[in-house]
């Protein structure tokens, strides 16, 4: 999944003309409480 997230972040950079300097996973996955249907929260 990490590769997919990085790919999406690169797409955002290209579309918006910005450079993402730092991205962090947040939400239930970051806290270790993810369920099988949890999404991925990136800030």
C-alpha atoms as a PDB file:
ATOM      1  CA  UNK A   1       0.000   0.000   0.000  1.00  0.00           C
ATOM      2  CA  UNK A   2       2.924   2.357   0.654  1.00  0.00           C
ATOM      3  CA  UNK A   3       3.777   2.400  -3.058  1.00  0.00           C
ATOM      4  CA  UNK A   4       0.184   3.276  -3.965  1.00  0.00           C
ATOM      5  CA  UNK A   5       0.126   6.148  -1.466  1.00  0.00           C
ATOM      6  CA  UNK A   6       3.436   7.488  -2.796  1.00  0.00           C
ATOM      7  CA  UNK A   7       2.081   7.267  -6.339  1.00  0.00           C
ATOM      8  CA  UNK A   8      -1.017   9.246  -5.373  1.00  0.00           C
ATOM      9  CA  UNK A   9       1.087  11.882  -3.616  1.00  0.00           C
ATOM     10  CA  UNK A  10       3.214  12.291  -6.762  1.00  0.00           C
ATOM     11  CA  UNK A  11       0.038  12.740  -8.822  1.00  0.00           C
ATOM     12  CA  UNK A  12      -1.096  15.499  -6.467  1.00  0.00           C
ATOM     13  CA  UNK A  13       2.293  17.198  -6.759  1.00  0.00           C
ATOM     14  CA  UNK A  14       2.102  17.178 -10.551  1.00  0.00           C
ATOM     15  CA  UNK A  15      -1.531  18.283 -10.745  1.00  0.00           C
ATOM     16  CA  UNK A  16      -1.228  21.086  -8.202  1.00  0.00           C
ATOM     17  CA  UNK A  17       2.308  22.221  -9.045  1.00  0.00           C
ATOM     18  CA  UNK A  18       3.524  21.723  -5.488  1.00  0.00           C
ATOM     19  CA  UNK A  19       6.101  19.634  -3.667  1.00  0.00           C
ATOM     20  CA  UNK A  20       4.975  17.560  -0.702  1.00  0.00           C
ATOM     21  CA  UNK A  21       7.756  17.760   1.859  1.00  0.00           C
ATOM     22  CA  UNK A  22       6.242  15.582   4.549  1.00  0.00           C
ATOM     23  CA  UNK A  23       3.286  13.202   4.700  1.00  0.00           C
ATOM     24  CA  UNK A  24       2.254  11.132   7.676  1.00  0.00           C
ATOM     25  CA  UNK A  25      -0.228   8.321   8.158  1.00  0.00           C
ATOM     26  CA  UNK A  26      -2.895   9.146  10.708  1.00  0.00           C
ATOM     27  CA  UNK A  27      -6.161   7.719  11.950  1.00  0.00           C
ATOM     28  CA  UNK A  28      -6.951   4.199  13.074  1.00  0.00           C
ATOM     29  CA  UNK A  29      -4.075   2.550  11.183  1.00  0.00           C
ATOM     30  CA  UNK A  30      -1.495   4.824  12.798  1.00  0.00           C
ATOM     31  CA  UNK A  31      -2.873   4.012  16.237  1.00  0.00           C
ATOM     32  CA  UNK A  32      -3.041   0.275  15.573  1.00  0.00           C
ATOM     33  CA  UNK A  33      -6.840   0.073  15.689  1.00  0.00           C
ATOM     34  CA  UNK A  34      -7.527  -0.580  12.020  1.00  0.00           C
ATOM     35  CA  UNK A  35     -10.339  -2.892  11.005  1.00  0.00           C
ATOM     36  CA  UNK A  36     -10.356  -4.803   7.692  1.00  0.00           C
ATOM     37  CA  UNK A  37     -12.405  -2.036   6.057  1.00  0.00           C
ATOM     38  CA  UNK A  38     -10.408   0.930   7.453  1.00  0.00           C
ATOM     39  CA  UNK A  39      -9.281   3.535   4.971  1.00  0.00           C
ATOM     40  CA  UNK A  40      -5.871   5.186   4.805  1.00  0.00           C
ATOM     41  CA  UNK A  41      -5.555   8.691   6.242  1.00  0.00           C
ATOM     42  CA  UNK A  42      -2.570  10.700   5.084  1.00  0.00           C
ATOM     43  CA  UNK A  43      -1.879  14.226   6.309  1.00  0.00           C
END
